[in-house]
């Protein structure tokens, strides 16, 4: 639910400003849709078009994203083991090494 739907649910139907709240909610939704459309047309599409001119750079960006995902997964595994009091220390040390290895791969 968004804010306006929540406000509509909270206030009773007999409330004096109920109809104005509905009008304001519709206005906000229209403005939000207009903003999203303008951002797409004026920012996202031109940036994607510009970026398409440099496929090598796109490959590097994608590779960096994959490395970031790998690092985040290793970091999460280490955090899970740190919070577990009954952890296997050998697995914990190996997980830390894998996290450091993934961290090293992220740096260029």
Protein backbone atom coordinates (compact mmCIF):
# COMPACT_ATOMS: atom_id res chain seq x y z
CA UNK A 1 0.00 0.00 0.00
CA UNK A 2 1.08 3.52 -0.57
CA UNK A 3 0.64 6.46 1.79
CA UNK A 4 -2.60 7.72 0.33
CA UNK A 5 -4.26 4.29 0.42
CA UNK A 6 -3.26 3.95 4.06
CA UNK A 7 -4.66 7.37 4.90
CA UNK A 8 -7.91 6.51 3.12
CA UNK A 9 -8.21 3.32 5.16
CA UNK A 10 -7.54 5.10 8.43
CA UNK A 11 -10.11 7.87 8.09
CA UNK A 12 -13.81 7.15 8.37
CA UNK A 13 -16.14 7.63 5.42
CA UNK A 14 -17.97 10.44 7.26
CA UNK A 15 -14.79 12.48 7.60
CA UNK A 16 -15.18 15.93 6.05
CA UNK A 17 -11.94 15.80 4.04
CA UNK A 18 -12.37 12.25 2.68
CA UNK A 19 -13.23 13.38 -0.86
CA UNK A 20 -10.28 15.79 -0.96
CA UNK A 21 -7.97 13.01 0.16
CA UNK A 22 -9.10 10.87 -2.77
CA UNK A 23 -8.53 13.72 -5.22
CA UNK A 24 -5.07 14.39 -3.76
CA UNK A 25 -4.19 10.68 -4.00
CA UNK A 26 -5.17 10.61 -7.67
CA UNK A 27 -3.15 13.77 -8.29
CA UNK A 28 -0.08 12.26 -6.58
CA UNK A 29 -0.35 9.07 -8.63
CA UNK A 30 -0.60 11.06 -11.85
CA UNK A 31 2.43 13.19 -10.92
CA UNK A 32 4.45 10.10 -9.99
CA UNK A 33 3.62 8.36 -13.27
CA UNK A 34 4.58 11.53 -15.17
CA UNK A 35 7.90 11.76 -13.31
CA UNK A 36 8.70 8.10 -13.99
CA UNK A 37 7.90 8.56 -17.69
CA UNK A 38 10.04 11.71 -17.96
CA UNK A 39 12.96 10.07 -16.16
CA UNK A 40 12.79 7.14 -18.51
CA UNK A 41 12.60 9.32 -21.61
CA UNK A 42 15.13 11.94 -20.60
CA UNK A 43 17.64 9.97 -18.53
CA UNK A 44 17.50 6.18 -18.77
CA UNK A 45 17.02 5.80 -22.52
CA UNK A 46 19.75 8.34 -23.47
CA UNK A 47 22.18 6.79 -20.98
CA UNK A 48 21.53 3.30 -22.34
CA UNK A 49 21.99 4.59 -25.89
CA UNK A 50 25.26 6.28 -24.95
CA UNK A 51 26.47 3.23 -23.07
CA UNK A 52 25.67 0.99 -26.04
CA UNK A 53 28.39 2.84 -27.95
CA UNK A 54 30.99 1.31 -25.64
CA UNK A 55 30.45 -2.48 -25.50
CA UNK A 56 33.88 -3.14 -23.94
CA UNK A 57 33.07 -0.86 -21.02
CA UNK A 58 29.69 -2.57 -20.63
CA UNK A 59 31.44 -5.94 -20.37
CA UNK A 60 33.69 -4.57 -17.62
CA UNK A 61 30.72 -3.12 -15.75
CA UNK A 62 28.88 -6.45 -15.97
CA UNK A 63 31.97 -8.35 -14.81
CA UNK A 64 32.38 -5.96 -11.87
CA UNK A 65 28.73 -6.54 -10.95
CA UNK A 66 29.23 -10.31 -10.94
CA UNK A 67 32.32 -9.94 -8.76
CA UNK A 68 30.37 -7.75 -6.37
CA UNK A 69 27.66 -10.40 -6.11
CA UNK A 70 30.27 -13.08 -5.40
CA UNK A 71 31.90 -10.93 -2.72
CA UNK A 72 28.55 -10.14 -1.13
CA UNK A 73 27.67 -13.86 -0.97
CA UNK A 74 30.99 -14.68 0.70
CA UNK A 75 30.60 -11.77 3.12
CA UNK A 76 27.12 -12.95 4.03
CA UNK A 77 28.40 -16.50 4.66
CA UNK A 78 31.11 -15.17 7.00
CA UNK A 79 28.56 -13.04 8.87
CA UNK A 80 26.28 -16.04 9.30
CA UNK A 81 29.14 -18.09 10.73
CA UNK A 82 30.22 -15.26 13.04
CA UNK A 83 26.73 -15.15 14.54
CA UNK A 84 26.64 -18.93 15.01
CA UNK A 85 28.18 -19.91 18.37
CA UNK A 86 28.44 -23.60 17.32
CA UNK A 87 30.40 -22.92 14.12
CA UNK A 88 33.05 -25.17 12.70
CA UNK A 89 36.29 -23.17 12.95
CA UNK A 90 37.85 -24.83 9.91
CA UNK A 91 34.87 -23.89 7.75
CA UNK A 92 34.88 -20.40 9.25
CA UNK A 93 38.56 -19.86 8.38
CA UNK A 94 37.96 -21.20 4.85
CA UNK A 95 34.96 -18.88 4.43
CA UNK A 96 37.06 -15.91 5.56
CA UNK A 97 39.76 -16.84 3.05
CA UNK A 98 37.18 -17.12 0.27
CA UNK A 99 35.76 -13.73 1.24
CA UNK A 100 39.25 -12.15 1.12
CA UNK A 101 39.87 -13.84 -2.24
CA UNK A 102 36.60 -12.45 -3.62
CA UNK A 103 37.49 -9.03 -2.18
CA UNK A 104 40.86 -9.18 -3.95
CA UNK A 105 39.20 -10.03 -7.26
CA UNK A 106 36.97 -6.97 -6.95
CA UNK A 107 39.88 -4.54 -6.92
CA UNK A 108 41.32 -3.53 -10.26
